[in-house]
N, C-alpha and C. Protein backbone atom coordinates (compact mmCIF):
# COMPACT_ATOMS: atom_id res chain seq x y z
N MET A 1 107.91 95.77 106.37
CA MET A 1 107.21 94.20 106.41
C MET A 1 108.34 93.96 106.00
N ASN A 2 108.69 92.14 106.45
CA ASN A 2 109.27 91.19 105.83
C ASN A 2 108.80 89.48 105.58
N ASN A 3 109.94 88.70 104.78
CA ASN A 3 109.18 87.61 104.44
C ASN A 3 108.74 87.53 103.55
N GLN A 4 109.10 88.85 102.65
CA GLN A 4 108.12 89.02 101.32
C GLN A 4 108.22 88.16 99.82
N CYS A 5 108.17 87.63 99.11
CA CYS A 5 107.79 86.65 98.09
C CYS A 5 107.86 87.25 96.88
N LEU A 6 107.88 86.65 95.60
CA LEU A 6 107.60 86.43 94.89
C LEU A 6 106.66 85.03 94.21
N ILE A 7 105.38 85.54 93.93
CA ILE A 7 104.60 83.77 93.07
C ILE A 7 104.69 84.30 91.83
N VAL A 8 105.25 83.07 91.12
CA VAL A 8 105.35 83.08 89.58
C VAL A 8 103.80 81.77 89.40
N ARG A 9 103.36 82.51 88.55
CA ARG A 9 101.65 81.42 88.22
C ARG A 9 102.34 81.13 86.45
N TYR A 10 102.55 79.46 86.46
CA TYR A 10 102.59 79.28 84.47
C TYR A 10 101.70 78.83 84.54
N GLY A 11 100.64 78.90 84.44
CA GLY A 11 99.01 78.27 84.26
C GLY A 11 99.57 77.12 83.40
N GLU A 12 99.35 77.47 81.63
CA GLU A 12 99.17 76.82 80.64
C GLU A 12 100.06 75.77 81.12
N LEU A 13 101.48 74.99 81.41
CA LEU A 13 102.41 74.23 81.93
C LEU A 13 101.70 73.70 82.34
N PHE A 14 100.92 74.11 83.44
CA PHE A 14 100.06 72.77 84.32
C PHE A 14 99.46 71.47 83.74
N LEU A 15 98.88 71.85 82.67
CA LEU A 15 97.97 71.65 81.50
C LEU A 15 99.39 69.88 80.96
N LYS A 16 99.76 70.11 81.12
CA LYS A 16 100.92 69.10 80.33
C LYS A 16 100.16 67.71 80.59
N GLY A 17 100.88 67.29 80.37
CA GLY A 17 101.45 65.50 81.11
C GLY A 17 102.20 65.20 81.70
N LYS A 18 102.82 63.41 80.80
CA LYS A 18 103.75 63.08 82.44
C LYS A 18 105.30 64.29 81.88
N ASN A 19 105.07 64.79 81.10
CA ASN A 19 105.88 65.53 81.01
C ASN A 19 106.22 67.18 81.10
N ARG A 20 105.24 67.18 81.85
CA ARG A 20 105.69 68.32 82.43
C ARG A 20 106.37 68.88 83.62
N ASP A 21 106.56 68.61 84.38
CA ASP A 21 107.93 68.65 84.97
C ASP A 21 109.38 68.59 83.81
N ASP A 22 109.49 68.34 83.10
CA ASP A 22 110.41 68.88 82.11
C ASP A 22 110.37 70.52 81.55
N PHE A 23 109.14 70.38 81.48
CA PHE A 23 108.91 71.91 80.74
C PHE A 23 108.55 73.04 82.19
N VAL A 24 108.22 72.20 83.36
CA VAL A 24 108.49 73.45 84.44
C VAL A 24 109.60 73.85 85.18
N GLN A 25 111.16 72.41 84.60
CA GLN A 25 111.63 72.73 85.03
C GLN A 25 112.77 73.61 84.16
N LYS A 26 112.84 73.58 82.43
CA LYS A 26 112.77 75.00 81.35
C LYS A 26 112.59 76.31 82.46
N LEU A 27 111.49 76.36 82.37
CA LEU A 27 111.15 77.19 83.24
C LEU A 27 111.90 77.98 84.01
N VAL A 28 112.64 77.03 84.99
CA VAL A 28 112.84 77.60 85.57
C VAL A 28 114.27 77.97 85.71
N VAL A 29 115.10 76.80 84.56
CA VAL A 29 116.29 77.55 84.26
C VAL A 29 116.41 79.11 83.55
N ASN A 30 115.18 79.52 82.78
CA ASN A 30 115.04 80.92 81.93
C ASN A 30 115.00 81.53 83.42
N VAL A 31 114.60 81.88 83.95
CA VAL A 31 113.73 82.91 85.13
C VAL A 31 115.07 82.81 85.14
N ASN A 32 115.94 82.22 86.28
CA ASN A 32 117.42 81.92 86.86
C ASN A 32 118.45 82.52 85.85
N LEU A 33 118.02 82.41 84.86
CA LEU A 33 118.88 82.90 83.52
C LEU A 33 118.75 84.82 83.70
N THR A 34 117.12 85.34 83.49
CA THR A 34 117.02 86.13 83.13
C THR A 34 116.70 87.05 84.52
N LEU A 35 117.17 86.39 85.17
CA LEU A 35 117.25 87.22 86.65
C LEU A 35 118.78 87.30 87.08
N GLN A 36 119.53 86.66 86.81
CA GLN A 36 121.56 86.35 86.20
C GLN A 36 121.85 87.83 85.32
N LYS A 37 121.42 87.66 84.31
CA LYS A 37 121.11 88.77 83.69
C LYS A 37 120.83 89.95 83.53
N ASN A 38 120.45 90.41 85.04
CA ASN A 38 119.68 92.01 85.49
C ASN A 38 120.12 91.86 86.36
N ASN A 39 121.62 91.60 86.42
CA ASN A 39 122.20 91.69 87.75
C ASN A 39 121.35 91.76 89.06
N PHE A 40 121.03 90.93 89.23
CA PHE A 40 119.84 90.47 90.13
C PHE A 40 120.72 89.45 91.36
N SER A 41 120.80 89.50 92.04
CA SER A 41 121.77 88.14 93.23
C SER A 41 121.07 88.14 93.97
N ASP A 42 121.40 86.97 95.26
CA ASP A 42 120.61 86.98 96.25
C ASP A 42 119.76 85.78 96.63
N PHE A 43 118.95 85.35 94.92
CA PHE A 43 118.06 85.21 95.61
C PHE A 43 117.48 83.15 94.63
N ASN A 44 116.57 82.93 94.99
CA ASN A 44 116.48 81.79 95.84
C ASN A 44 114.87 81.63 94.91
N VAL A 45 114.83 80.22 93.52
CA VAL A 45 113.87 80.12 92.83
C VAL A 45 113.14 78.27 93.31
N LYS A 46 112.09 78.97 94.15
CA LYS A 46 112.01 77.36 94.70
C LYS A 46 110.87 77.00 93.63
N LYS A 47 110.36 75.77 93.24
CA LYS A 47 109.47 74.89 92.75
C LYS A 47 108.30 74.66 93.15
N LEU A 48 106.93 74.65 93.86
CA LEU A 48 106.24 74.07 93.83
C LEU A 48 104.76 73.52 93.13
N HIS A 49 104.03 73.30 94.09
CA HIS A 49 102.86 72.28 92.46
C HIS A 49 102.68 72.76 91.14
N ASP A 50 101.95 73.94 91.71
CA ASP A 50 102.05 74.54 90.57
C ASP A 50 102.32 76.67 89.72
N GLN A 51 103.50 76.31 90.69
CA GLN A 51 103.60 77.86 90.55
C GLN A 51 105.48 78.13 91.58
N LEU A 52 106.13 78.88 90.82
CA LEU A 52 107.46 79.41 91.52
C LEU A 52 107.49 80.68 92.53
N ILE A 53 108.70 80.52 93.47
CA ILE A 53 107.96 81.13 94.69
C ILE A 53 109.82 81.67 94.62
N ILE A 54 109.97 83.26 94.10
CA ILE A 54 111.10 83.33 94.50
C ILE A 54 110.65 84.14 95.97
N THR A 55 111.75 83.66 95.96
CA THR A 55 112.48 84.81 97.82
C THR A 55 114.67 85.64 97.11
N THR A 56 114.39 87.07 98.07
CA THR A 56 115.49 87.26 97.53
C THR A 56 115.78 88.24 99.51
N LYS A 57 116.41 88.48 99.69
CA LYS A 57 117.76 88.94 100.93
C LYS A 57 116.32 90.60 100.72
N ASN A 58 116.23 91.09 99.85
CA ASN A 58 116.23 92.79 99.85
C ASN A 58 115.33 92.43 98.68
N ASP A 59 114.21 93.24 99.65
CA ASP A 59 112.44 92.47 99.27
C ASP A 59 111.99 93.25 98.80
N LYS A 60 112.69 94.67 98.30
CA LYS A 60 112.93 95.82 97.23
C LYS A 60 112.97 95.14 95.72
N GLU A 61 114.07 94.60 95.88
CA GLU A 61 113.85 94.08 93.95
C GLU A 61 112.90 92.99 93.68
N LEU A 62 112.32 93.07 94.69
CA LEU A 62 111.32 92.05 93.58
C LEU A 62 109.81 92.31 92.95
N SER A 63 109.93 94.12 92.85
CA SER A 63 109.06 94.74 91.52
C SER A 63 109.81 95.05 90.49
N LYS A 64 110.94 95.07 90.95
CA LYS A 64 112.03 95.03 89.92
C LYS A 64 112.14 93.58 88.75
N MET A 65 112.10 92.95 89.50
CA MET A 65 111.94 91.89 89.22
C MET A 65 110.58 90.87 88.77
N ILE A 66 109.68 91.53 88.95
CA ILE A 66 109.07 91.60 87.91
C ILE A 66 108.48 92.10 86.18
N ILE A 67 108.77 93.65 86.54
CA ILE A 67 109.91 94.07 85.48
C ILE A 67 110.62 93.30 84.09
N ALA A 68 111.64 92.41 85.27
CA ALA A 68 112.44 91.68 84.58
C ALA A 68 111.48 89.73 83.78
N LEU A 69 111.16 89.55 84.61
CA LEU A 69 110.74 88.36 84.53
C LEU A 69 109.37 88.70 83.13
N SER A 70 108.66 90.20 83.00
CA SER A 70 107.26 90.31 81.95
C SER A 70 107.78 89.37 81.11
N LYS A 71 109.42 89.23 80.53
CA LYS A 71 109.20 89.12 79.07
C LYS A 71 109.59 87.75 78.93
N VAL A 72 109.19 86.87 80.22
CA VAL A 72 109.84 85.30 79.63
C VAL A 72 108.76 84.60 79.64
N PHE A 73 109.15 83.74 78.30
CA PHE A 73 107.53 82.98 77.05
C PHE A 73 107.52 82.18 79.31
N GLY A 74 106.20 81.80 78.91
CA GLY A 74 105.81 80.50 79.99
C GLY A 74 105.35 80.77 81.48
N ILE A 75 105.04 82.24 81.57
CA ILE A 75 104.59 82.68 82.80
C ILE A 75 103.17 83.58 83.01
N SER A 76 102.40 83.43 83.20
CA SER A 76 101.09 83.94 83.25
C SER A 76 100.56 84.72 84.32
N ALA A 77 101.47 85.21 85.22
CA ALA A 77 100.62 86.05 85.88
C ALA A 77 102.08 85.92 87.80
N PHE A 78 101.76 87.26 88.07
CA PHE A 78 103.00 87.46 89.00
C PHE A 78 102.18 87.70 89.88
N PHE A 79 102.73 87.03 91.49
CA PHE A 79 102.18 87.79 92.77
C PHE A 79 103.16 88.74 93.76
N LEU A 80 103.03 89.35 94.60
CA LEU A 80 103.77 89.41 95.27
C LEU A 80 102.61 89.45 96.71
N ALA A 81 103.82 88.68 97.86
CA ALA A 81 103.22 87.81 98.63
C ALA A 81 104.16 88.00 100.06
N TYR A 82 103.30 87.07 100.61
CA TYR A 82 104.48 87.15 102.33
C TYR A 82 104.58 86.10 102.75
N GLN A 83 105.47 85.22 103.53
CA GLN A 83 105.44 83.82 103.83
C GLN A 83 105.28 84.36 105.56
N LEU A 84 104.41 82.76 105.73
CA LEU A 84 104.47 82.73 107.21
C LEU A 84 104.23 81.35 108.09
N GLU A 85 104.33 81.56 109.35
CA GLU A 85 104.48 79.73 109.96
C GLU A 85 103.27 79.86 109.50
N ASN A 86 102.92 77.89 109.84
CA ASN A 86 101.89 77.81 109.64
C ASN A 86 101.37 77.69 110.55
N ASP A 87 100.86 79.35 111.75
CA ASP A 87 100.22 79.04 112.67
C ASP A 87 98.65 80.52 112.29
N CYS A 88 97.14 79.60 112.95
CA CYS A 88 96.61 80.69 112.91
C CYS A 88 96.15 82.19 113.08
N LYS A 89 96.66 81.92 114.76
CA LYS A 89 97.12 83.55 115.53
C LYS A 89 98.19 84.59 114.73
N LYS A 90 99.23 83.85 114.14
CA LYS A 90 100.43 84.65 113.40
C LYS A 90 99.33 84.78 112.31
N LEU A 91 98.78 84.25 111.42
CA LEU A 91 98.30 84.65 110.00
C LEU A 91 97.12 86.15 110.99
N TYR A 92 96.57 85.55 111.95
CA TYR A 92 95.64 86.88 112.13
C TYR A 92 96.05 87.72 112.29
N ASP A 93 97.22 88.08 113.49
CA ASP A 93 98.11 89.42 113.62
C ASP A 93 98.62 89.87 112.15
N PHE A 94 98.84 89.39 111.57
CA PHE A 94 99.72 89.90 110.22
C PHE A 94 98.52 90.70 109.38
N VAL A 95 97.75 90.20 109.16
CA VAL A 95 96.36 90.73 108.23
C VAL A 95 96.39 92.01 109.32
N GLU A 96 96.23 92.07 110.63
CA GLU A 96 95.94 93.05 111.07
C GLU A 96 96.74 93.55 111.27
N LYS A 97 98.38 93.53 110.65
CA LYS A 97 99.20 94.31 110.79
C LYS A 97 98.84 95.65 109.32
N ILE A 98 98.68 94.39 108.39
CA ILE A 98 99.08 94.56 107.07
C ILE A 98 97.44 95.84 107.09
N ALA A 99 96.08 95.48 107.60
CA ALA A 99 95.01 96.61 107.80
C ALA A 99 95.68 97.95 107.88
N ASP A 100 96.79 97.46 108.64
CA ASP A 100 97.64 99.34 109.22
C ASP A 100 97.80 99.64 108.47
N TYR A 101 99.04 98.80 108.01
CA TYR A 101 100.05 99.51 106.86
C TYR A 101 99.39 99.45 105.61
N TYR A 102 98.15 99.13 104.84
CA TYR A 102 98.10 99.80 103.63
C TYR A 102 96.38 100.37 103.23
N GLU A 103 96.51 101.52 103.04
CA GLU A 103 95.36 101.73 103.05
C GLU A 103 94.26 101.42 101.35
N ILE A 104 93.16 100.81 101.87
CA ILE A 104 92.13 100.55 101.14
C ILE A 104 91.02 101.68 100.49
N ASP A 105 90.86 101.23 99.09
CA ASP A 105 90.51 102.68 98.71
C ASP A 105 89.07 101.81 98.11
N PHE A 106 88.79 101.03 97.82
CA PHE A 106 87.52 101.03 96.98
C PHE A 106 86.66 100.78 98.20
N PRO A 107 84.87 100.31 97.46
CA PRO A 107 84.12 100.14 98.28
C PRO A 107 83.86 98.36 98.84
N THR A 108 84.69 97.84 98.42
CA THR A 108 84.15 96.35 98.30
C THR A 108 85.08 95.60 97.76
N PHE A 109 85.17 94.29 99.10
CA PHE A 109 86.54 93.28 98.91
C PHE A 109 86.80 92.27 99.86
N LYS A 110 87.40 91.80 99.30
CA LYS A 110 86.70 89.87 99.87
C LYS A 110 88.37 89.42 99.90
N PHE A 111 88.64 87.74 100.25
CA PHE A 111 89.36 87.00 101.48
C PHE A 111 89.76 86.26 100.03
N ASP A 112 89.96 84.95 99.15
CA ASP A 112 89.82 84.13 98.82
C ASP A 112 90.99 83.17 98.90
N VAL A 113 90.50 82.61 100.32
CA VAL A 113 91.69 81.20 100.74
C VAL A 113 91.31 79.80 100.23
N SER A 114 92.59 79.33 100.06
CA SER A 114 93.03 78.12 99.13
C SER A 114 94.07 77.75 100.24
N ARG A 115 93.13 76.38 100.95
CA ARG A 115 94.28 75.88 102.08
C ARG A 115 94.77 74.88 101.28
N SER A 116 96.09 75.01 100.92
CA SER A 116 96.91 74.07 100.79
C SER A 116 97.06 72.62 101.43
N ASP A 117 96.74 72.90 102.99
CA ASP A 117 97.62 72.13 103.90
C ASP A 117 95.70 71.73 104.27
N LYS A 118 95.88 70.79 103.87
CA LYS A 118 93.66 70.27 104.84
C LYS A 118 94.08 70.08 106.49
N ASN A 119 95.77 70.13 107.44
CA ASN A 119 95.08 70.22 108.06
C ASN A 119 95.09 70.89 108.96
N PHE A 120 95.03 72.20 108.22
CA PHE A 120 94.61 73.47 109.54
C PHE A 120 94.08 73.99 109.66
N PRO A 121 94.14 74.12 110.93
CA PRO A 121 92.71 74.57 111.98
C PRO A 121 91.54 74.36 111.96
N LYS A 122 91.26 75.16 111.00
CA LYS A 122 89.81 76.06 109.99
C LYS A 122 90.27 75.84 108.84
N ASN A 123 88.91 76.03 108.19
CA ASN A 123 88.71 75.65 106.90
C ASN A 123 88.25 77.43 106.05
N SER A 124 88.51 76.91 104.50
CA SER A 124 89.42 78.12 104.14
C SER A 124 87.61 79.36 104.14
N LEU A 125 86.22 78.66 104.22
CA LEU A 125 85.23 79.80 104.93
C LEU A 125 85.22 80.62 105.47
N THR A 126 85.36 79.71 106.87
CA THR A 126 85.63 80.41 108.24
C THR A 126 87.05 81.86 107.83
N LEU A 127 87.72 81.23 107.76
CA LEU A 127 89.70 81.83 107.58
C LEU A 127 88.84 83.14 106.57
N GLN A 128 87.52 82.98 105.50
CA GLN A 128 87.48 84.40 104.73
C GLN A 128 86.76 85.41 105.50
N LYS A 129 85.59 84.82 106.23
CA LYS A 129 84.87 85.50 107.01
C LYS A 129 85.75 86.08 108.32
N GLU A 130 86.05 85.08 109.00
CA GLU A 130 87.47 86.38 109.93
C GLU A 130 88.42 87.14 110.11
N LEU A 131 89.00 86.53 108.43
CA LEU A 131 89.64 87.85 108.03
C LEU A 131 89.69 89.00 107.57
N GLY A 132 87.86 88.87 107.12
CA GLY A 132 87.49 90.40 106.35
C GLY A 132 86.74 90.95 107.32
N GLU A 133 86.47 90.41 108.96
CA GLU A 133 86.16 91.29 109.55
C GLU A 133 87.13 92.08 110.65
N ILE A 134 88.83 91.11 110.27
CA ILE A 134 89.79 92.29 110.60
C ILE A 134 89.25 93.63 110.58
N VAL A 135 90.26 93.46 108.32
CA VAL A 135 90.21 94.26 107.97
C VAL A 135 89.02 95.63 107.90
N VAL A 136 87.97 95.28 107.37
CA VAL A 136 86.63 96.27 108.53
C VAL A 136 86.74 96.85 109.80
N LYS A 137 87.28 96.00 110.90
CA LYS A 137 87.34 96.83 112.25
C LYS A 137 88.33 97.57 111.80
N LYS A 138 89.12 97.68 111.18
CA LYS A 138 90.38 98.43 110.75
C LYS A 138 90.03 99.17 109.98
N GLN A 139 89.59 99.28 108.55
CA GLN A 139 89.25 100.05 107.75
C GLN A 139 88.82 101.07 107.97
N GLY A 140 87.31 100.26 108.84
CA GLY A 140 86.48 101.38 108.47
C GLY A 140 86.25 102.31 109.58
N LEU A 141 86.99 102.46 110.36
CA LEU A 141 87.51 103.04 111.10
C LEU A 141 87.92 104.65 110.87
N LYS A 142 88.55 104.16 109.85
CA LYS A 142 89.48 105.36 109.29
C LYS A 142 88.60 106.12 108.05
N LYS A 143 87.70 105.29 107.84
CA LYS A 143 86.55 105.80 106.89
C LYS A 143 86.22 107.79 107.36
N VAL A 144 86.22 108.79 106.52
CA VAL A 144 85.18 110.29 106.74
C VAL A 144 84.25 110.07 105.85
N LYS A 145 83.48 110.56 106.36
CA LYS A 145 82.40 110.48 105.54
C LYS A 145 82.56 112.33 105.12
N GLY A 146 81.86 112.68 103.68
CA GLY A 146 81.53 113.76 102.83
C GLY A 146 80.40 114.90 103.15
N LEU A 147 80.29 115.68 102.84
CA LEU A 147 79.46 116.64 103.14
C LEU A 147 78.35 116.05 102.18
N GLY A 148 77.77 114.96 101.53
CA GLY A 148 76.90 114.44 100.73
C GLY A 148 76.30 116.02 99.61
N GLY A 149 75.06 115.23 99.59
CA GLY A 149 74.31 116.66 98.79
C GLY A 149 74.50 116.33 97.77
N LEU A 150 74.56 117.63 96.74
CA LEU A 150 75.20 117.50 95.46
C LEU A 150 75.80 118.57 94.43
N PRO A 151 77.00 118.24 94.06
CA PRO A 151 77.81 119.73 93.25
C PRO A 151 77.25 121.12 93.70
N VAL A 152 77.89 121.97 94.81
CA VAL A 152 77.59 123.36 94.34
C VAL A 152 77.29 124.34 92.36
N GLY A 153 75.92 125.01 92.48
CA GLY A 153 75.79 125.13 91.30
C GLY A 153 75.79 124.28 90.60
N SER A 154 74.79 122.48 90.31
CA SER A 154 74.42 122.16 89.37
C SER A 154 72.70 122.13 89.10
N SER A 155 72.42 123.24 90.56
CA SER A 155 71.24 123.60 90.48
C SER A 155 70.62 124.81 90.33
N GLY A 156 71.77 125.51 89.74
CA GLY A 156 71.35 127.19 90.09
C GLY A 156 71.90 127.82 91.03
N LYS A 157 71.78 129.54 90.69
CA LYS A 157 71.63 129.82 91.60
C LYS A 157 70.65 130.94 92.28
N VAL A 158 71.14 131.25 93.95
CA VAL A 158 69.35 131.89 94.69
C VAL A 158 70.64 133.08 95.43
N LEU A 159 69.19 134.46 95.35
CA LEU A 159 70.21 135.79 96.24
C LEU A 159 69.50 135.34 97.49
N LEU A 160 70.18 134.76 98.59
CA LEU A 160 69.64 134.32 100.26
C LEU A 160 69.70 135.86 101.07
N LEU A 161 69.31 136.06 101.70
CA LEU A 161 68.46 137.27 102.56
C LEU A 161 69.25 136.79 103.76
N LEU A 162 70.57 137.73 103.92
CA LEU A 162 71.38 137.05 105.21
C LEU A 162 71.75 137.83 106.33
N SER A 163 70.27 137.69 107.36
CA SER A 163 69.83 137.88 108.30
C SER A 163 71.13 137.97 109.68
N GLY A 164 70.97 138.54 110.79
CA GLY A 164 72.37 138.24 111.87
C GLY A 164 71.94 137.11 112.49
N GLY A 165 71.09 136.12 112.52
CA GLY A 165 70.72 134.96 113.17
C GLY A 165 70.91 133.66 112.82
N ILE A 166 71.13 132.45 113.08
CA ILE A 166 71.28 131.53 112.50
C ILE A 166 70.57 130.60 111.29
N ASP A 167 69.05 131.04 111.34
CA ASP A 167 68.56 130.76 109.81
C ASP A 167 68.90 131.22 108.93
N SER A 168 69.74 132.04 108.70
CA SER A 168 70.16 132.12 107.29
C SER A 168 71.69 131.02 107.13
N PRO A 169 72.34 131.12 107.69
CA PRO A 169 73.32 130.50 107.26
C PRO A 169 73.24 128.54 107.45
N VAL A 170 72.24 128.29 107.96
CA VAL A 170 71.82 127.03 108.03
C VAL A 170 71.21 126.73 106.58
N ALA A 171 70.10 127.47 106.65
CA ALA A 171 69.44 127.58 105.00
C ALA A 171 69.89 127.60 103.67
N ALA A 172 71.19 127.98 104.25
CA ALA A 172 72.45 128.32 103.25
C ALA A 172 73.04 127.51 102.79
N TYR A 173 73.19 126.83 103.57
CA TYR A 173 74.08 125.03 103.85
C TYR A 173 72.50 124.08 103.05
N GLN A 174 71.72 124.57 103.76
CA GLN A 174 70.69 123.85 103.11
C GLN A 174 70.50 123.67 101.57
N LEU A 175 70.98 125.22 101.50
CA LEU A 175 70.64 124.46 99.61
C LEU A 175 71.90 124.77 99.04
N MET A 176 72.57 124.90 99.68
CA MET A 176 74.29 124.59 98.72
C MET A 176 74.14 122.95 98.71
N LYS A 177 73.69 122.04 99.59
CA LYS A 177 73.76 120.91 99.64
C LYS A 177 72.69 120.04 98.15
N ARG A 178 72.06 121.25 97.71
CA ARG A 178 71.48 120.73 97.12
C ARG A 178 71.40 120.64 95.98
N GLY A 179 72.32 121.83 95.81
CA GLY A 179 73.44 121.99 94.61
C GLY A 179 73.44 123.89 94.46
N LEU A 180 72.97 124.79 94.88
CA LEU A 180 72.51 125.74 94.88
C LEU A 180 73.83 126.86 94.85
N GLU A 181 74.09 127.51 93.90
CA GLU A 181 75.45 128.30 94.08
C GLU A 181 74.66 129.71 94.67
N VAL A 182 74.78 130.09 96.47
CA VAL A 182 74.58 131.34 97.37
C VAL A 182 74.66 132.42 97.17
N VAL A 183 74.38 133.54 96.47
CA VAL A 183 74.63 134.85 96.82
C VAL A 183 74.22 135.76 97.64
N TYR A 184 74.48 136.11 98.94
CA TYR A 184 74.15 137.07 99.92
C TYR A 184 74.11 138.39 99.70
N CYS A 185 72.48 138.16 100.51
CA CYS A 185 72.26 140.14 100.25
C CYS A 185 72.39 140.39 102.11
N HIS A 186 72.66 140.87 102.75
CA HIS A 186 72.65 141.80 103.84
C HIS A 186 72.15 142.94 103.82
N PHE A 187 71.49 143.37 104.73
CA PHE A 187 71.49 144.45 105.68
C PHE A 187 71.86 145.55 106.46
N TYR A 188 72.44 146.59 106.84
CA TYR A 188 73.19 146.63 107.71
C TYR A 188 72.42 147.63 108.54
N HIS A 189 72.45 147.67 110.01
CA HIS A 189 71.67 148.14 110.75
C HIS A 189 72.12 149.12 111.20
N GLN A 190 72.95 150.34 110.64
CA GLN A 190 74.00 151.26 111.62
C GLN A 190 73.39 152.19 112.02
N LYS A 191 74.32 153.00 112.57
CA LYS A 191 73.40 154.53 113.32
C LYS A 191 73.00 154.98 111.76
N GLU A 192 73.67 154.85 110.76
CA GLU A 192 73.96 155.95 109.69
C GLU A 192 72.05 156.20 109.46
N ALA A 193 71.75 154.47 108.91
CA ALA A 193 70.50 154.29 108.74
C ALA A 193 69.62 155.48 109.45
N LYS A 194 70.06 154.64 111.00
CA LYS A 194 69.17 155.41 111.92
C LYS A 194 69.13 157.04 111.50
N LYS A 195 69.75 157.85 111.03
CA LYS A 195 70.13 159.63 110.63
C LYS A 195 69.37 159.53 109.84
N LEU A 196 68.99 158.60 108.63
CA LEU A 196 68.38 159.12 107.67
C LEU A 196 67.06 158.67 107.83
N ALA A 197 66.87 158.12 108.82
CA ALA A 197 65.16 157.89 108.88
C ALA A 197 64.40 156.80 107.71
N ILE A 198 65.55 156.70 106.77
CA ILE A 198 64.74 155.44 105.80
C ILE A 198 63.91 154.26 106.73
N SER A 199 62.09 154.66 105.72
CA SER A 199 61.43 153.21 106.73
C SER A 199 61.20 152.54 105.59
N ALA A 200 61.69 153.07 104.64
CA ALA A 200 61.36 151.66 102.76
C ALA A 200 62.04 151.39 101.42
N LEU A 201 62.40 150.38 100.92
CA LEU A 201 63.04 150.71 100.09
C LEU A 201 62.71 150.83 98.55
N ALA A 202 62.53 151.62 97.86
CA ALA A 202 62.33 151.63 96.54
C ALA A 202 63.13 150.58 95.26
N THR A 203 62.29 150.71 94.68
CA THR A 203 62.83 149.15 93.54
C THR A 203 63.29 150.21 92.41
N GLY A 204 62.08 151.29 92.26
CA GLY A 204 62.07 151.60 90.31
C GLY A 204 60.72 151.16 90.25
N ASP A 205 60.09 149.93 90.55
CA ASP A 205 59.13 149.85 89.55
C ASP A 205 57.93 150.34 89.44
N ALA A 206 57.21 149.69 88.51
CA ALA A 206 56.06 150.69 87.75
C ALA A 206 55.46 149.80 86.43
N LEU A 207 54.62 149.90 87.26
CA LEU A 207 53.05 148.58 86.46
C LEU A 207 52.84 148.88 85.53
N ALA A 208 53.18 147.37 84.64
CA ALA A 208 53.16 147.64 82.96
C ALA A 208 53.89 148.17 82.08
N GLN A 209 54.86 148.99 83.09
CA GLN A 209 56.24 149.83 82.62
C GLN A 209 56.77 148.03 81.30
N VAL A 210 57.22 147.40 82.47
CA VAL A 210 57.43 146.63 81.03
C VAL A 210 57.19 145.04 80.88
N ALA A 211 56.92 144.32 80.66
CA ALA A 211 55.61 143.23 80.53
C ALA A 211 55.84 141.66 81.82
N SER A 212 57.07 142.53 82.13
CA SER A 212 57.22 140.96 83.60
C SER A 212 56.98 141.64 85.14
N GLN A 213 57.15 143.32 84.37
CA GLN A 213 56.45 144.09 85.51
C GLN A 213 54.16 144.34 85.40
N THR A 214 53.94 142.76 86.00
CA THR A 214 52.44 142.58 86.26
C THR A 214 52.07 143.20 87.63
N ILE A 215 50.94 142.93 87.81
CA ILE A 215 50.74 143.53 89.74
C ILE A 215 50.94 142.00 90.04
N GLU A 216 50.92 140.90 89.85
CA GLU A 216 51.43 139.92 90.78
C GLU A 216 52.91 139.60 91.12
N SER A 217 53.91 139.77 90.16
CA SER A 217 54.95 140.42 90.37
C SER A 217 55.46 141.10 91.20
N LEU A 218 54.46 142.83 91.40
CA LEU A 218 55.12 143.56 91.90
C LEU A 218 54.70 143.15 93.21
N ASN A 219 53.22 142.39 93.52
CA ASN A 219 53.24 142.35 95.24
C ASN A 219 53.78 141.18 95.74
N VAL A 220 54.91 139.77 95.32
CA VAL A 220 55.45 139.06 95.75
C VAL A 220 56.73 140.14 95.91
N ILE A 221 57.35 141.34 95.02
CA ILE A 221 58.15 141.86 95.30
C ILE A 221 58.33 142.80 97.14
N SER A 222 56.64 143.29 96.82
CA SER A 222 56.37 144.21 97.95
C SER A 222 56.30 143.57 99.25
N GLN A 223 55.95 141.96 99.42
CA GLN A 223 55.98 141.26 100.60
C GLN A 223 57.22 141.01 100.77
């Protein structure tokens, strides 16, 4: 991306009276001196109504300039920005490119548009709405939906009797989605089992042997 610049806001100086220009001019001098002392070259500091615009031939230096200028009194904030021609279509095209270039990783966002040129063909509210729609269309397509549910293990552990059909894996998926850790138990019906002619599974339970071996619990096991 090119045509990048650094916006320097000087907040409190804007509240000064008739001598405001003297304060701002002194800030411009200090900004220039600081950048020169930090070995920056080929830059330009332009004074606007309530801010300074710094441009340079090497856009990569702008971030380093912020570090240097952060030690200068009189500055309230810095913003990395891009300069465009006063054209609505070029603005929309640029925002579309930005939406492809940067990954938006937060749930909500908004455009805050301020028109210094009131002759611009669209008002601020219209621009905010239409620029936001461009980003939603671009970034919305990149959204990858997760599995949802609860973390596995957060709701306990369960033993799943895993058969050879599709029902058991589906049940396991649903159980894990609700936070259960699933342990699987599967009985293989191989030829060895047929040779042994096993028709029942003995568990070793005996009624009233321990407090938990009630008739009700044994009935549940047998089912």
